[in-house]
C-alpha cells in the first residue's frame, strides 16, 4: 500500500508518498542499522546520504528523520544539508573557476562541486566529533542564499545529505572518511532526466528551457558524480515511481 506523508523540508510542508515495502523493507532497516551503530559506539553517529540530482534525496532524508521520531525503537535522526555550505551568492557572482575545462562564473553553475565551501564543511564535520552541538549554516529557498549559524546540530544520529558528499574529486576524497556510515542512491539516467526537466517546468520554465537547463547543469552534474564517487556502504536504487529498493534487488 502506498501512503502519503507530510514532511517539513527547509521550512516548507512537502507531501511525499512511499509504499509499505519501501518503508518497512528499506527505510526502517536503515534506521535500525544506525541505532545499532550508535549503541555500539556509545556516541553520536554521523551518516552521509549522497545521490545525483533528481533522486529525491532531500525528501528521503527528511522521511528518515520523520520515521525516527515516529517510532520508539530507533534513535532520533536529525537532518543537516550540504546546501548550507554553498558559498554566499555575493561570492558566487564575483568568483570564477575551471569547471569542466571552461573558466566559468560560479553563479552560473550553482550547485556544482566548485560552488561549495569545502573547508567550512570539513570544520563543521570535525566539530561533530568533539562537541555536543554545532551551529551549521542552512540554505534559504526564499532568499536563495546561505544563512549562517541557522541550525543547531545535536542529534544522536546526524544525517548529512548532499550530492557531493561521496565525491572522489580532489580534496573532496577525504570527506567520506568523516562519516560513520554512508548511503548512496543511484537511478536510471532517463528517469532522472525526466524528473529534473519536469521539476523545472513546474518552476515556470518552458519545456525547451527546462531541457536546456538540464543539458547545461543537472545533466553534467549527474554524469560527474556517477563517474567519481565512493561506493556507499548502503546502496539504494530509486525506482521509477520515486521509491527505493536495495541496489541489486
Foldseek 3Di string as FASTA:
>chain_A
DKDWDWFQFLNDTDIDIADPCQVVVPLVVVQVVLQVVCVVVVAAAEEEEAEAPQLCQRVSLRVSQVVCVVDDPGFHEAEDEQLLQFDWPVQQQPDWDQDVNDTGRNNVAPQAPVRGDPVVVVVQLVCRVPDQWDFTWDAHPVVRGIDGSPDIDHGSYYYYYGHQCFFCPDPSVCNVVSGPFYEYEYEDPVLSLVSQLVVVVVVPDDSVVSNVCCVVYRVVRNVRSVVGGDHGPFYWYQDSVSGIDGVVD
